[in-house]
N, C-alpha and C. Protein backbone atom coordinates (compact mmCIF):
# COMPACT_ATOMS: atom_id res chain seq x y z
N UNK A 1 9.13 86.29 -21.63
CA UNK A 1 9.96 87.46 -21.81
C UNK A 1 9.23 88.69 -21.31
N UNK A 2 9.88 89.50 -20.50
CA UNK A 2 9.26 90.68 -19.93
C UNK A 2 9.53 91.88 -20.83
N UNK A 3 8.46 92.67 -21.11
CA UNK A 3 8.63 93.83 -21.97
C UNK A 3 8.88 95.09 -21.15
N UNK A 4 9.00 94.97 -19.84
CA UNK A 4 9.26 96.10 -18.96
C UNK A 4 10.62 96.69 -19.28
N UNK A 5 10.74 98.02 -19.19
CA UNK A 5 11.99 98.71 -19.51
C UNK A 5 12.49 98.28 -20.88
N UNK A 6 11.63 98.49 -21.87
CA UNK A 6 11.79 97.85 -23.17
C UNK A 6 13.10 98.17 -23.88
N UNK A 7 13.44 99.44 -24.00
CA UNK A 7 14.59 99.76 -24.83
C UNK A 7 15.90 99.23 -24.28
N UNK A 8 16.23 99.43 -23.01
CA UNK A 8 17.52 98.94 -22.53
C UNK A 8 17.57 97.44 -22.36
N UNK A 9 16.42 96.79 -22.23
CA UNK A 9 16.43 95.38 -21.89
C UNK A 9 16.22 94.48 -23.11
N UNK A 10 15.70 95.07 -24.19
CA UNK A 10 15.27 94.26 -25.31
C UNK A 10 16.37 93.38 -25.88
N UNK A 11 17.55 93.90 -26.09
CA UNK A 11 18.63 93.10 -26.68
C UNK A 11 18.96 91.91 -25.81
N UNK A 12 19.01 92.12 -24.50
CA UNK A 12 19.30 91.04 -23.56
C UNK A 12 18.18 90.03 -23.56
N UNK A 13 16.93 90.52 -23.60
CA UNK A 13 15.78 89.62 -23.54
C UNK A 13 15.72 88.73 -24.78
N UNK A 14 15.98 89.34 -25.93
CA UNK A 14 15.98 88.55 -27.16
C UNK A 14 17.08 87.50 -27.11
N UNK A 15 18.24 87.86 -26.57
CA UNK A 15 19.33 86.91 -26.44
C UNK A 15 18.93 85.74 -25.55
N UNK A 16 18.27 86.05 -24.44
CA UNK A 16 17.83 84.98 -23.54
C UNK A 16 16.80 84.10 -24.23
N UNK A 17 15.90 84.73 -25.01
CA UNK A 17 14.90 83.95 -25.71
C UNK A 17 15.55 83.01 -26.72
N UNK A 18 16.59 83.51 -27.39
CA UNK A 18 17.28 82.68 -28.38
C UNK A 18 17.92 81.48 -27.70
N UNK A 19 18.51 81.71 -26.52
CA UNK A 19 19.13 80.61 -25.78
C UNK A 19 18.08 79.55 -25.44
N UNK A 20 16.85 80.00 -25.19
CA UNK A 20 15.76 79.08 -24.88
C UNK A 20 15.11 78.54 -26.15
N UNK A 21 15.68 78.90 -27.30
CA UNK A 21 15.23 78.46 -28.61
C UNK A 21 13.95 79.14 -29.07
N UNK A 22 13.49 80.13 -28.36
CA UNK A 22 12.39 80.95 -28.84
C UNK A 22 12.93 82.35 -29.09
N UNK A 23 12.66 82.88 -30.28
CA UNK A 23 13.14 84.21 -30.64
C UNK A 23 11.97 85.18 -30.66
N UNK A 24 12.08 86.25 -29.90
CA UNK A 24 10.97 87.18 -29.74
C UNK A 24 11.40 88.60 -30.06
N UNK A 25 10.54 89.32 -30.80
CA UNK A 25 10.76 90.73 -31.09
C UNK A 25 9.54 91.53 -30.68
N UNK A 26 9.78 92.71 -30.12
CA UNK A 26 8.72 93.60 -29.64
C UNK A 26 8.79 94.89 -30.44
N UNK A 27 7.66 95.31 -31.05
CA UNK A 27 7.70 96.44 -31.97
C UNK A 27 6.58 97.43 -31.69
N UNK A 28 6.95 98.73 -31.84
CA UNK A 28 6.03 99.84 -31.66
C UNK A 28 5.95 100.63 -32.97
N UNK A 29 5.02 101.57 -33.02
CA UNK A 29 4.78 102.30 -34.27
C UNK A 29 6.01 103.05 -34.76
N UNK A 30 6.94 103.37 -33.88
CA UNK A 30 8.15 104.08 -34.27
C UNK A 30 9.21 103.14 -34.87
N UNK A 31 8.96 101.83 -34.82
CA UNK A 31 9.94 100.86 -35.32
C UNK A 31 9.67 100.51 -36.79
N UNK A 32 10.74 100.38 -37.55
CA UNK A 32 10.61 100.01 -38.96
C UNK A 32 9.95 98.64 -39.11
N UNK A 33 10.31 97.71 -38.23
CA UNK A 33 9.77 96.35 -38.31
C UNK A 33 8.26 96.33 -38.10
N UNK A 34 7.75 97.23 -37.27
CA UNK A 34 6.30 97.35 -37.04
C UNK A 34 5.58 97.57 -38.37
N UNK A 35 6.09 98.54 -39.14
CA UNK A 35 5.47 98.86 -40.44
C UNK A 35 5.64 97.70 -41.41
N UNK A 36 6.78 97.03 -41.36
CA UNK A 36 7.02 95.90 -42.26
C UNK A 36 6.06 94.75 -41.98
N UNK A 37 5.80 94.49 -40.70
CA UNK A 37 4.87 93.41 -40.35
C UNK A 37 3.48 93.70 -40.90
N UNK A 38 3.01 94.93 -40.70
CA UNK A 38 1.67 95.30 -41.18
C UNK A 38 1.63 95.25 -42.70
N UNK A 39 2.71 95.69 -43.36
CA UNK A 39 2.75 95.66 -44.82
C UNK A 39 2.78 94.23 -45.34
N UNK A 40 3.52 93.35 -44.66
CA UNK A 40 3.69 91.98 -45.15
C UNK A 40 2.49 91.09 -44.84
N UNK A 41 1.96 91.16 -43.60
CA UNK A 41 0.90 90.22 -43.23
C UNK A 41 -0.37 90.91 -42.73
N UNK A 42 -0.33 92.24 -42.63
CA UNK A 42 -1.53 92.99 -42.32
C UNK A 42 -1.80 93.16 -40.83
N UNK A 43 -2.91 93.81 -40.56
CA UNK A 43 -3.41 94.02 -39.21
C UNK A 43 -4.80 93.40 -39.16
N UNK A 44 -4.94 92.19 -38.62
CA UNK A 44 -6.20 91.45 -38.72
C UNK A 44 -7.29 91.89 -37.76
N UNK A 45 -6.99 92.84 -36.88
CA UNK A 45 -7.93 93.24 -35.85
C UNK A 45 -8.38 94.68 -36.05
N UNK A 46 -9.49 95.02 -35.44
CA UNK A 46 -9.97 96.39 -35.47
C UNK A 46 -9.00 97.29 -34.70
N UNK A 47 -8.86 98.53 -35.17
CA UNK A 47 -8.03 99.49 -34.47
C UNK A 47 -6.58 99.45 -34.91
N UNK A 48 -5.75 100.18 -34.18
CA UNK A 48 -4.32 100.30 -34.48
C UNK A 48 -3.52 99.61 -33.39
N UNK A 49 -2.51 98.82 -33.77
CA UNK A 49 -1.68 98.17 -32.75
C UNK A 49 -0.92 99.17 -31.88
N UNK A 50 -1.03 98.99 -30.58
CA UNK A 50 -0.19 99.72 -29.63
C UNK A 50 1.17 99.05 -29.59
N UNK A 51 1.15 97.72 -29.75
CA UNK A 51 2.38 96.93 -29.73
C UNK A 51 2.15 95.66 -30.55
N UNK A 52 3.16 95.22 -31.26
CA UNK A 52 3.14 93.94 -31.98
C UNK A 52 4.31 93.11 -31.47
N UNK A 53 4.03 91.87 -31.13
CA UNK A 53 5.07 90.96 -30.65
C UNK A 53 5.12 89.76 -31.60
N UNK A 54 6.31 89.44 -32.06
CA UNK A 54 6.51 88.32 -32.97
C UNK A 54 7.42 87.30 -32.30
N UNK A 55 6.94 86.06 -32.20
CA UNK A 55 7.70 85.02 -31.51
C UNK A 55 7.82 83.79 -32.39
N UNK A 56 9.05 83.36 -32.62
CA UNK A 56 9.28 82.11 -33.35
C UNK A 56 9.47 80.98 -32.34
N UNK A 57 8.64 79.94 -32.47
CA UNK A 57 8.68 78.80 -31.56
C UNK A 57 9.11 77.57 -32.36
N UNK A 58 10.30 77.04 -32.11
CA UNK A 58 10.78 75.88 -32.86
C UNK A 58 9.76 74.75 -32.87
N UNK A 59 9.59 74.13 -34.01
CA UNK A 59 8.68 73.00 -34.23
C UNK A 59 7.21 73.39 -34.22
N UNK A 60 6.92 74.68 -34.01
CA UNK A 60 5.51 75.11 -33.97
C UNK A 60 5.23 76.28 -34.90
N UNK A 61 6.23 77.10 -35.21
CA UNK A 61 6.03 78.19 -36.14
C UNK A 61 6.19 79.56 -35.51
N UNK A 62 5.78 80.57 -36.26
CA UNK A 62 5.92 81.95 -35.85
C UNK A 62 4.57 82.52 -35.46
N UNK A 63 4.50 83.05 -34.25
CA UNK A 63 3.26 83.63 -33.73
C UNK A 63 3.38 85.14 -33.68
N UNK A 64 2.28 85.82 -34.01
CA UNK A 64 2.23 87.27 -33.96
C UNK A 64 1.10 87.67 -33.00
N UNK A 65 1.46 88.51 -32.04
CA UNK A 65 0.51 88.96 -31.02
C UNK A 65 0.28 90.45 -31.22
N UNK A 66 -0.96 90.80 -31.52
CA UNK A 66 -1.34 92.20 -31.70
C UNK A 66 -2.08 92.69 -30.46
N UNK A 67 -1.73 93.89 -30.00
CA UNK A 67 -2.47 94.56 -28.93
C UNK A 67 -2.94 95.90 -29.49
N UNK A 68 -4.22 95.95 -29.86
CA UNK A 68 -4.77 97.09 -30.58
C UNK A 68 -5.70 97.94 -29.73
N UNK A 69 -5.81 99.20 -30.12
CA UNK A 69 -6.82 100.11 -29.58
C UNK A 69 -7.62 100.68 -30.74
N UNK A 70 -8.92 100.87 -30.53
CA UNK A 70 -9.76 101.53 -31.53
C UNK A 70 -10.63 102.57 -30.84
N UNK A 71 -11.17 103.49 -31.62
CA UNK A 71 -12.11 104.46 -31.08
C UNK A 71 -13.31 103.72 -30.51
N UNK A 72 -13.73 104.06 -29.31
CA UNK A 72 -14.81 103.34 -28.64
C UNK A 72 -16.11 103.43 -29.44
N UNK A 73 -16.81 102.31 -29.53
CA UNK A 73 -18.08 102.31 -30.25
C UNK A 73 -19.21 102.82 -29.35
N UNK A 74 -18.99 102.77 -28.03
CA UNK A 74 -19.98 103.29 -27.09
C UNK A 74 -19.53 104.64 -26.56
N UNK A 75 -20.45 105.37 -25.99
CA UNK A 75 -20.09 106.64 -25.37
C UNK A 75 -19.33 106.38 -24.08
N UNK A 76 -18.25 107.10 -23.90
CA UNK A 76 -17.45 106.99 -22.68
C UNK A 76 -17.23 108.35 -22.08
N UNK A 77 -17.31 108.43 -20.77
CA UNK A 77 -17.23 109.72 -20.11
C UNK A 77 -16.00 109.85 -19.20
N UNK A 78 -15.26 108.79 -19.05
CA UNK A 78 -14.09 108.85 -18.16
C UNK A 78 -12.87 109.41 -18.88
N UNK A 79 -12.88 109.32 -20.19
CA UNK A 79 -11.75 109.71 -21.01
C UNK A 79 -12.25 110.58 -22.14
N UNK A 80 -11.46 111.59 -22.54
CA UNK A 80 -11.86 112.46 -23.64
C UNK A 80 -11.91 111.71 -24.96
N UNK A 81 -11.07 110.68 -25.08
CA UNK A 81 -11.04 109.85 -26.29
C UNK A 81 -11.11 108.39 -25.87
N UNK A 82 -12.28 107.90 -25.49
CA UNK A 82 -12.39 106.52 -25.01
C UNK A 82 -11.97 105.51 -26.07
N UNK A 83 -11.35 104.41 -25.60
CA UNK A 83 -10.81 103.40 -26.50
C UNK A 83 -11.38 102.02 -26.17
N UNK A 84 -11.58 101.23 -27.21
CA UNK A 84 -11.87 99.80 -27.05
C UNK A 84 -10.58 99.03 -27.29
N UNK A 85 -10.47 97.88 -26.63
CA UNK A 85 -9.27 97.05 -26.76
C UNK A 85 -9.57 95.81 -27.61
N UNK A 86 -8.64 95.49 -28.50
CA UNK A 86 -8.75 94.30 -29.35
C UNK A 86 -7.37 93.65 -29.39
N UNK A 87 -7.29 92.41 -28.99
CA UNK A 87 -6.00 91.71 -29.01
C UNK A 87 -6.19 90.33 -29.63
N UNK A 88 -5.13 89.81 -30.22
CA UNK A 88 -5.23 88.48 -30.80
C UNK A 88 -3.87 87.87 -31.05
N UNK A 89 -3.83 86.55 -30.96
CA UNK A 89 -2.62 85.78 -31.26
C UNK A 89 -2.88 85.02 -32.56
N UNK A 90 -1.95 85.14 -33.50
CA UNK A 90 -2.11 84.54 -34.82
C UNK A 90 -0.86 83.75 -35.18
N UNK A 91 -1.05 82.68 -35.92
CA UNK A 91 0.06 81.87 -36.43
C UNK A 91 0.29 82.25 -37.88
N UNK A 92 1.55 82.59 -38.20
CA UNK A 92 1.87 82.91 -39.59
C UNK A 92 1.84 81.65 -40.44
N UNK A 93 1.25 81.78 -41.63
CA UNK A 93 1.12 80.62 -42.51
C UNK A 93 1.17 81.06 -43.97
N UNK A 94 2.32 80.82 -44.61
CA UNK A 94 2.49 81.12 -46.04
C UNK A 94 2.07 82.55 -46.38
N UNK A 95 2.56 83.49 -45.61
CA UNK A 95 2.27 84.88 -45.88
C UNK A 95 0.95 85.37 -45.33
N UNK A 96 0.19 84.49 -44.69
CA UNK A 96 -1.09 84.87 -44.10
C UNK A 96 -1.10 84.60 -42.61
N UNK A 97 -2.25 84.73 -42.00
CA UNK A 97 -2.39 84.55 -40.57
C UNK A 97 -3.55 83.62 -40.24
N UNK A 98 -3.31 82.72 -39.29
CA UNK A 98 -4.36 81.83 -38.80
C UNK A 98 -4.66 82.23 -37.36
N UNK A 99 -5.90 82.61 -37.12
CA UNK A 99 -6.29 83.07 -35.78
C UNK A 99 -6.21 81.93 -34.77
N UNK A 100 -5.58 82.22 -33.63
CA UNK A 100 -5.49 81.25 -32.54
C UNK A 100 -6.47 81.58 -31.42
N UNK A 101 -6.49 82.84 -31.00
CA UNK A 101 -7.40 83.26 -29.95
C UNK A 101 -7.44 84.79 -29.94
N UNK A 102 -8.60 85.37 -29.57
CA UNK A 102 -8.72 86.83 -29.56
C UNK A 102 -9.34 87.31 -28.24
N UNK A 103 -9.23 88.61 -28.04
CA UNK A 103 -9.70 89.27 -26.82
C UNK A 103 -10.31 90.61 -27.19
N UNK A 104 -11.40 90.98 -26.49
CA UNK A 104 -12.00 92.30 -26.66
C UNK A 104 -12.48 92.80 -25.30
N UNK A 105 -12.38 94.11 -25.11
CA UNK A 105 -13.05 94.76 -23.98
C UNK A 105 -13.35 96.18 -24.41
N UNK A 106 -14.50 96.69 -23.95
CA UNK A 106 -15.00 97.94 -24.48
C UNK A 106 -15.20 99.00 -23.41
N UNK A 107 -14.91 100.24 -23.80
CA UNK A 107 -15.23 101.38 -22.93
C UNK A 107 -16.73 101.61 -22.97
N UNK A 108 -17.26 102.02 -21.84
CA UNK A 108 -18.69 102.36 -21.80
C UNK A 108 -18.97 103.18 -20.54
N UNK A 109 -19.73 104.22 -20.72
CA UNK A 109 -20.07 105.05 -19.59
C UNK A 109 -18.84 105.57 -18.88
N UNK A 110 -18.72 105.23 -17.61
CA UNK A 110 -17.59 105.67 -16.79
C UNK A 110 -16.54 104.58 -16.61
N UNK A 111 -16.49 103.65 -17.55
CA UNK A 111 -15.54 102.54 -17.49
C UNK A 111 -14.62 102.59 -18.71
N UNK A 112 -13.31 102.45 -18.47
CA UNK A 112 -12.32 102.51 -19.54
C UNK A 112 -11.23 101.46 -19.33
N UNK A 113 -11.22 100.38 -20.17
CA UNK A 113 -10.13 99.40 -20.06
C UNK A 113 -8.85 99.95 -20.67
N UNK A 114 -7.72 99.64 -20.04
CA UNK A 114 -6.43 100.11 -20.54
C UNK A 114 -5.38 99.01 -20.39
N UNK A 115 -4.65 98.76 -21.49
CA UNK A 115 -3.52 97.83 -21.41
C UNK A 115 -2.48 98.38 -20.43
N UNK A 116 -1.90 97.49 -19.65
CA UNK A 116 -0.69 97.83 -18.91
C UNK A 116 0.46 97.18 -19.67
N UNK A 117 0.89 97.87 -20.72
CA UNK A 117 1.84 97.32 -21.68
C UNK A 117 3.11 96.80 -21.00
N UNK A 118 3.58 97.49 -19.97
CA UNK A 118 4.81 97.06 -19.30
C UNK A 118 4.66 95.73 -18.58
N UNK A 119 3.43 95.25 -18.45
CA UNK A 119 3.19 93.98 -17.76
C UNK A 119 2.53 92.96 -18.67
N UNK A 120 2.56 93.20 -19.98
CA UNK A 120 2.15 92.20 -20.96
C UNK A 120 3.42 91.45 -21.37
N UNK A 121 3.44 90.16 -21.16
CA UNK A 121 4.68 89.40 -21.31
C UNK A 121 4.47 88.09 -22.07
N UNK A 122 5.58 87.57 -22.56
CA UNK A 122 5.62 86.21 -23.10
C UNK A 122 6.66 85.43 -22.29
N UNK A 123 6.34 84.22 -21.90
CA UNK A 123 7.28 83.41 -21.14
C UNK A 123 7.07 81.94 -21.39
N UNK A 124 7.95 81.14 -20.84
CA UNK A 124 7.82 79.69 -20.85
C UNK A 124 8.11 79.21 -19.44
N UNK A 125 7.19 79.54 -18.54
CA UNK A 125 7.43 79.32 -17.11
C UNK A 125 7.63 77.85 -16.76
N UNK A 126 6.92 76.97 -17.45
CA UNK A 126 7.04 75.54 -17.13
C UNK A 126 8.04 74.81 -18.02
N UNK A 127 8.78 75.58 -18.84
CA UNK A 127 9.88 75.03 -19.66
C UNK A 127 9.46 73.84 -20.52
N UNK A 128 8.29 73.97 -21.16
CA UNK A 128 7.84 72.88 -22.03
C UNK A 128 8.10 73.19 -23.50
N UNK A 129 8.79 74.31 -23.77
CA UNK A 129 9.12 74.66 -25.15
C UNK A 129 8.03 75.40 -25.89
N UNK A 130 6.93 75.73 -25.18
CA UNK A 130 5.83 76.47 -25.81
C UNK A 130 5.48 77.66 -24.92
N UNK A 131 5.28 78.84 -25.51
CA UNK A 131 5.13 80.05 -24.70
C UNK A 131 3.74 80.23 -24.09
N UNK A 132 3.71 81.03 -23.04
CA UNK A 132 2.46 81.57 -22.52
C UNK A 132 2.46 83.07 -22.82
N UNK A 133 1.28 83.59 -23.12
CA UNK A 133 1.10 85.01 -23.39
C UNK A 133 0.30 85.58 -22.22
N UNK A 134 0.88 86.58 -21.55
CA UNK A 134 0.25 87.17 -20.37
C UNK A 134 -0.24 88.57 -20.72
N UNK A 135 -1.55 88.74 -20.86
CA UNK A 135 -2.14 90.03 -21.19
C UNK A 135 -2.64 90.68 -19.90
N UNK A 136 -2.11 91.86 -19.59
CA UNK A 136 -2.45 92.54 -18.34
C UNK A 136 -3.14 93.86 -18.66
N UNK A 137 -4.31 94.07 -18.05
CA UNK A 137 -4.99 95.34 -18.25
C UNK A 137 -5.82 95.71 -17.03
N UNK A 138 -6.16 97.00 -16.96
CA UNK A 138 -6.86 97.57 -15.81
C UNK A 138 -8.15 98.21 -16.28
N UNK A 139 -9.19 98.03 -15.52
CA UNK A 139 -10.49 98.61 -15.84
C UNK A 139 -10.69 99.85 -14.97
N UNK A 140 -10.34 101.01 -15.53
CA UNK A 140 -10.55 102.25 -14.79
C UNK A 140 -12.03 102.60 -14.79
N UNK A 141 -12.50 103.17 -13.69
CA UNK A 141 -13.90 103.58 -13.61
C UNK A 141 -14.06 104.66 -12.55
N UNK A 142 -15.17 105.36 -12.65
CA UNK A 142 -15.48 106.40 -11.68
C UNK A 142 -16.54 105.86 -10.74
N UNK A 143 -16.26 105.86 -9.46
CA UNK A 143 -17.21 105.32 -8.51
C UNK A 143 -16.51 104.73 -7.30
N UNK A 144 -17.31 104.17 -6.41
CA UNK A 144 -16.77 103.67 -5.15
C UNK A 144 -16.45 102.18 -5.19
N UNK A 145 -16.86 101.51 -6.26
CA UNK A 145 -16.63 100.06 -6.34
C UNK A 145 -15.16 99.75 -6.58
N UNK A 146 -14.75 98.54 -6.17
CA UNK A 146 -13.39 98.07 -6.46
C UNK A 146 -13.21 97.94 -7.96
N UNK A 147 -11.97 98.14 -8.41
CA UNK A 147 -11.69 98.14 -9.85
C UNK A 147 -10.82 96.94 -10.20
N UNK A 148 -11.17 96.22 -11.29
CA UNK A 148 -10.44 94.99 -11.63
C UNK A 148 -9.13 95.21 -12.37
N UNK A 149 -8.10 94.56 -11.87
CA UNK A 149 -6.80 94.46 -12.52
C UNK A 149 -6.66 93.00 -12.95
N UNK A 150 -6.53 92.75 -14.25
CA UNK A 150 -6.61 91.38 -14.76
C UNK A 150 -5.33 90.95 -15.46
N UNK A 151 -4.93 89.72 -15.20
CA UNK A 151 -3.88 89.06 -15.98
C UNK A 151 -4.53 87.85 -16.64
N UNK A 152 -4.60 87.89 -17.97
CA UNK A 152 -5.16 86.78 -18.74
C UNK A 152 -4.00 85.98 -19.32
N UNK A 153 -4.04 84.68 -19.12
CA UNK A 153 -2.98 83.80 -19.61
C UNK A 153 -3.51 83.02 -20.80
N UNK A 154 -2.85 83.18 -21.94
CA UNK A 154 -3.18 82.40 -23.13
C UNK A 154 -2.06 81.39 -23.35
N UNK A 155 -2.41 80.14 -23.39
CA UNK A 155 -1.40 79.12 -23.67
C UNK A 155 -2.07 77.90 -24.28
N UNK A 156 -1.27 76.95 -24.69
CA UNK A 156 -1.79 75.73 -25.32
C UNK A 156 -1.04 74.54 -24.74
N UNK A 157 -1.64 73.89 -23.77
CA UNK A 157 -0.99 72.74 -23.16
C UNK A 157 -0.89 71.57 -24.14
N UNK A 158 -1.82 71.53 -25.10
CA UNK A 158 -1.81 70.46 -26.10
C UNK A 158 -0.95 70.82 -27.30
N UNK A 159 -0.47 72.08 -27.33
CA UNK A 159 0.31 72.63 -28.45
C UNK A 159 -0.54 72.74 -29.72
N UNK A 160 -1.86 72.62 -29.59
CA UNK A 160 -2.73 72.69 -30.76
C UNK A 160 -3.77 73.80 -30.63
N UNK A 161 -4.41 73.89 -29.49
CA UNK A 161 -5.50 74.84 -29.31
C UNK A 161 -5.23 75.70 -28.08
N UNK A 162 -5.36 77.02 -28.25
CA UNK A 162 -5.12 77.93 -27.14
C UNK A 162 -6.31 77.95 -26.18
N UNK A 163 -5.99 78.15 -24.91
CA UNK A 163 -7.02 78.32 -23.89
C UNK A 163 -6.77 79.61 -23.14
N UNK A 164 -7.81 80.09 -22.46
CA UNK A 164 -7.74 81.35 -21.70
C UNK A 164 -7.92 81.06 -20.22
N UNK A 165 -7.04 81.63 -19.40
CA UNK A 165 -7.15 81.55 -17.95
C UNK A 165 -7.02 82.95 -17.40
N UNK A 166 -7.58 83.19 -16.22
CA UNK A 166 -7.59 84.57 -15.72
C UNK A 166 -7.47 84.64 -14.21
N UNK A 167 -6.65 85.59 -13.76
CA UNK A 167 -6.60 85.96 -12.36
C UNK A 167 -6.89 87.46 -12.27
N UNK A 168 -7.77 87.82 -11.35
CA UNK A 168 -8.20 89.21 -11.22
C UNK A 168 -7.93 89.70 -9.80
N UNK A 169 -7.28 90.85 -9.71
CA UNK A 169 -7.11 91.52 -8.43
C UNK A 169 -8.07 92.69 -8.36
N UNK A 170 -8.89 92.73 -7.31
CA UNK A 170 -9.86 93.81 -7.17
C UNK A 170 -9.25 94.90 -6.30
N UNK A 171 -8.98 96.06 -6.91
CA UNK A 171 -8.32 97.17 -6.24
C UNK A 171 -9.37 98.01 -5.51
N UNK A 172 -9.32 98.07 -4.20
CA UNK A 172 -10.35 98.80 -3.45
C UNK A 172 -10.22 100.31 -3.62
N UNK A 173 -11.37 100.98 -3.65
CA UNK A 173 -11.39 102.44 -3.73
C UNK A 173 -11.58 103.04 -2.34
N UNK A 174 -12.39 102.38 -1.54
CA UNK A 174 -12.67 102.88 -0.20
C UNK A 174 -11.72 102.23 0.82
N UNK A 175 -11.30 102.99 1.79
CA UNK A 175 -10.31 102.53 2.76
C UNK A 175 -10.78 101.30 3.53
N UNK A 176 -12.09 101.20 3.77
CA UNK A 176 -12.58 100.08 4.56
C UNK A 176 -12.66 98.77 3.76
N UNK A 177 -12.51 98.86 2.45
CA UNK A 177 -12.55 97.65 1.62
C UNK A 177 -11.19 96.98 1.59
N UNK A 178 -11.20 95.67 1.35
CA UNK A 178 -9.98 94.88 1.31
C UNK A 178 -9.67 94.42 -0.12
N UNK A 179 -8.38 94.44 -0.45
CA UNK A 179 -7.96 93.87 -1.74
C UNK A 179 -8.25 92.37 -1.75
N UNK A 180 -8.72 91.87 -2.88
CA UNK A 180 -8.99 90.43 -2.98
C UNK A 180 -8.66 89.97 -4.40
N UNK A 181 -8.46 88.67 -4.53
CA UNK A 181 -8.15 88.08 -5.83
C UNK A 181 -9.14 86.98 -6.18
N UNK A 182 -9.40 86.85 -7.46
CA UNK A 182 -10.26 85.78 -7.98
C UNK A 182 -9.50 85.03 -9.07
N UNK A 183 -9.60 83.72 -9.06
CA UNK A 183 -8.97 82.87 -10.07
C UNK A 183 -10.05 82.02 -10.71
N UNK A 184 -10.12 82.05 -12.04
CA UNK A 184 -11.15 81.22 -12.68
C UNK A 184 -10.72 79.75 -12.69
N UNK A 185 -11.64 78.89 -13.07
CA UNK A 185 -11.39 77.44 -13.00
C UNK A 185 -10.23 77.02 -13.89
N UNK A 186 -10.11 77.63 -15.07
CA UNK A 186 -8.99 77.29 -15.95
C UNK A 186 -7.65 77.66 -15.33
N UNK A 187 -7.63 78.79 -14.63
CA UNK A 187 -6.39 79.22 -13.98
C UNK A 187 -5.93 78.19 -12.95
N UNK A 188 -6.87 77.64 -12.23
CA UNK A 188 -6.55 76.66 -11.19
C UNK A 188 -5.97 75.38 -11.77
N UNK A 189 -6.21 75.14 -13.07
CA UNK A 189 -5.73 73.92 -13.72
C UNK A 189 -4.34 74.10 -14.36
N UNK A 190 -3.84 75.33 -14.40
CA UNK A 190 -2.54 75.58 -15.00
C UNK A 190 -1.42 74.95 -14.18
N UNK A 191 -0.29 74.60 -14.81
CA UNK A 191 0.87 74.16 -14.05
C UNK A 191 1.27 75.21 -13.02
N UNK A 192 1.79 74.77 -11.92
CA UNK A 192 2.12 75.67 -10.81
C UNK A 192 3.06 76.79 -11.24
N UNK A 193 4.03 76.49 -12.08
CA UNK A 193 5.00 77.50 -12.50
C UNK A 193 4.32 78.64 -13.27
N UNK A 194 3.32 78.31 -14.08
CA UNK A 194 2.61 79.34 -14.85
C UNK A 194 1.73 80.16 -13.92
N UNK A 195 1.06 79.51 -12.99
CA UNK A 195 0.23 80.24 -12.02
C UNK A 195 1.10 81.23 -11.23
N UNK A 196 2.26 80.76 -10.80
CA UNK A 196 3.13 81.62 -10.00
C UNK A 196 3.61 82.83 -10.81
N UNK A 197 3.91 82.62 -12.08
CA UNK A 197 4.35 83.74 -12.91
C UNK A 197 3.23 84.76 -13.08
N UNK A 198 2.01 84.28 -13.33
CA UNK A 198 0.87 85.19 -13.48
C UNK A 198 0.62 85.97 -12.19
N UNK A 199 0.74 85.28 -11.06
CA UNK A 199 0.55 85.94 -9.77
C UNK A 199 1.64 87.00 -9.53
N UNK A 200 2.84 86.70 -9.96
CA UNK A 200 3.95 87.65 -9.83
C UNK A 200 3.69 88.89 -10.68
N UNK A 201 3.20 88.68 -11.90
CA UNK A 201 2.88 89.81 -12.79
C UNK A 201 1.77 90.66 -12.17
N UNK A 202 0.74 90.01 -11.64
CA UNK A 202 -0.36 90.73 -11.01
C UNK A 202 0.15 91.59 -9.86
N UNK A 203 1.00 91.00 -9.03
CA UNK A 203 1.55 91.72 -7.88
C UNK A 203 2.36 92.94 -8.34
N UNK A 204 3.18 92.75 -9.36
CA UNK A 204 4.01 93.87 -9.86
C UNK A 204 3.14 94.95 -10.49
N UNK A 205 2.10 94.55 -11.23
CA UNK A 205 1.20 95.52 -11.86
C UNK A 205 0.43 96.30 -10.80
N UNK A 206 0.00 95.62 -9.76
CA UNK A 206 -0.71 96.28 -8.64
C UNK A 206 0.20 97.33 -8.00
N UNK A 207 1.45 96.96 -7.79
CA UNK A 207 2.41 97.89 -7.20
C UNK A 207 2.61 99.08 -8.13
N UNK A 208 2.64 98.81 -9.43
CA UNK A 208 2.81 99.88 -10.41
C UNK A 208 1.65 100.86 -10.41
N UNK A 209 0.44 100.35 -10.18
CA UNK A 209 -0.73 101.23 -10.12
C UNK A 209 -0.67 102.14 -8.90
N UNK A 210 -0.11 101.61 -7.81
CA UNK A 210 -0.03 102.40 -6.59
C UNK A 210 1.03 103.48 -6.70
């Protein structure tokens, strides 16, 4: 499910998810449900959620995906208020949460990681009845080096344990440099449909940065 153009598309997206037997809700701090989730099951990660996504997966349960920001623990000079990123996927269990997988990246010096919320998505590209979580973020920095744009794919092919895969697009700063992509070994092992979706997200996020 794509969270792009959230307000006008959300009702349609949820309907499509229901048809696929997965029900997904996307919540921000202005939403009543956002506060209810934190009140009912808490915020298990450091910082404050920028977005909370709740997905019910038939035969597997309800998953909650937090995308949090916290005040940077290191000194950062690129931003007046540098932020660290903390994200995690949790399975709801009798009013509590069971951690499935987590993510962290930290601001430091002239480097500042930032979620590209419009390109963080949930999907079922290979139609196996279990979702993939696509976390997209950009590492802003000051300097002449290429800057990484990353799409991290969290999924569970065994339906038991989550794994992490990553594709990175290096955005050139200097005109003479060329854009290039790197795929880690886990990414190369993903089903073709999931790889293609991640590549599509990366391409769209790159275009959005431009």
